[in-house]
Protein backbone atom coordinates (compact mmCIF):
# COMPACT_ATOMS: atom_id res chain seq x y z
CA UNK A 1 222.04 160.44 75.34
CA UNK A 2 221.87 160.10 79.12
CA UNK A 3 224.18 157.95 81.22
CA UNK A 4 221.33 155.55 82.07
CA UNK A 5 220.70 154.90 78.38
CA UNK A 6 224.37 154.15 77.84
CA UNK A 7 224.47 151.81 80.86
CA UNK A 8 221.32 150.03 79.69
CA UNK A 9 222.71 149.37 76.24
CA UNK A 10 225.99 148.11 77.67
CA UNK A 11 224.27 145.72 80.06
CA UNK A 12 222.04 144.29 77.32
CA UNK A 13 224.97 143.81 74.96
CA UNK A 14 226.93 142.18 77.79
CA UNK A 15 224.01 139.80 78.41
CA UNK A 16 223.83 138.99 74.70
CA UNK A 17 227.60 138.34 74.54
CA UNK A 18 227.35 136.08 77.59
CA UNK A 19 224.45 134.18 76.00
CA UNK A 20 226.42 133.55 72.81
CA UNK A 21 229.46 132.43 74.79
CA UNK A 22 227.62 129.80 76.88
CA UNK A 23 224.67 128.87 74.64
CA UNK A 24 225.91 125.41 73.57
CA UNK A 25 228.18 124.50 76.50
CA UNK A 26 227.47 122.49 79.63
CA UNK A 27 227.20 125.05 82.44
CA UNK A 28 226.20 125.20 86.10
CA UNK A 29 222.93 126.45 87.52
CA UNK A 30 224.73 129.66 88.52
CA UNK A 31 225.68 130.40 84.91
CA UNK A 32 222.16 129.64 83.62
CA UNK A 33 220.65 131.90 86.27
CA UNK A 34 223.04 134.74 85.50
CA UNK A 35 222.61 134.37 81.74
CA UNK A 36 218.80 134.38 81.93
CA UNK A 37 218.56 136.99 84.68
CA UNK A 38 216.93 134.59 87.15
CA UNK A 39 217.80 133.37 90.61
CA UNK A 40 219.72 130.15 91.16
CA UNK A 41 216.82 128.94 93.29
CA UNK A 42 214.44 129.29 90.35
CA UNK A 43 216.72 127.17 88.16
CA UNK A 44 217.03 124.54 90.89
CA UNK A 45 213.27 124.47 91.46
CA UNK A 46 212.59 124.04 87.75
CA UNK A 47 215.18 121.25 87.65
CA UNK A 48 213.51 119.39 90.53
CA UNK A 49 210.12 119.83 88.83
CA UNK A 50 211.57 118.54 85.51
CA UNK A 51 210.57 121.77 83.78
CA UNK A 52 214.00 122.26 82.20
CA UNK A 53 216.40 119.72 80.69
CA UNK A 54 219.57 118.84 82.55
CA UNK A 55 222.52 116.49 82.26
CA UNK A 56 224.08 114.51 85.11
CA UNK A 57 227.82 113.94 85.25
CA UNK A 58 228.34 111.80 88.32
CA UNK A 59 226.83 113.87 91.11
CA UNK A 60 227.04 117.14 89.16
CA UNK A 61 224.13 118.62 87.22
CA UNK A 62 224.82 120.73 84.14
CA UNK A 63 222.60 122.59 81.70
CA UNK A 64 222.83 123.75 78.10
CA UNK A 65 221.39 127.27 77.89
CA UNK A 66 219.88 126.73 74.42
CA UNK A 67 218.05 123.61 75.67
CA UNK A 68 216.71 125.51 78.68
CA UNK A 69 215.51 128.38 76.49
CA UNK A 70 213.83 125.97 74.08
CA UNK A 71 212.04 124.18 76.93
CA UNK A 72 210.85 127.46 78.43
CA UNK A 73 209.63 128.73 75.04
CA UNK A 74 207.71 125.49 74.42
CA UNK A 75 206.21 125.64 77.89
CA UNK A 76 205.17 129.27 77.30
CA UNK A 77 203.58 128.50 73.94
CA UNK A 78 201.53 125.65 75.45
CA UNK A 79 200.05 128.05 78.01
CA UNK A 80 199.15 130.63 75.35
CA UNK A 81 196.93 128.21 73.41
């Protein structure tokens, strides 16, 4: 097994562990972006376009990763039909 294969498996398991850890918690746009492998600007754009669900706490905006994934999956399935 080469070192790139080992690194790839570690990074995917790390991503999976991170997803489990934050999946049902209120998190920032930075955490959603890191968890999904996207840029923060993409998350913020989708928020402004109401493409992903969010929760306001005063002036702060938080997301639940499972809700974001569900919304993106539903959006993707609508485009496939």
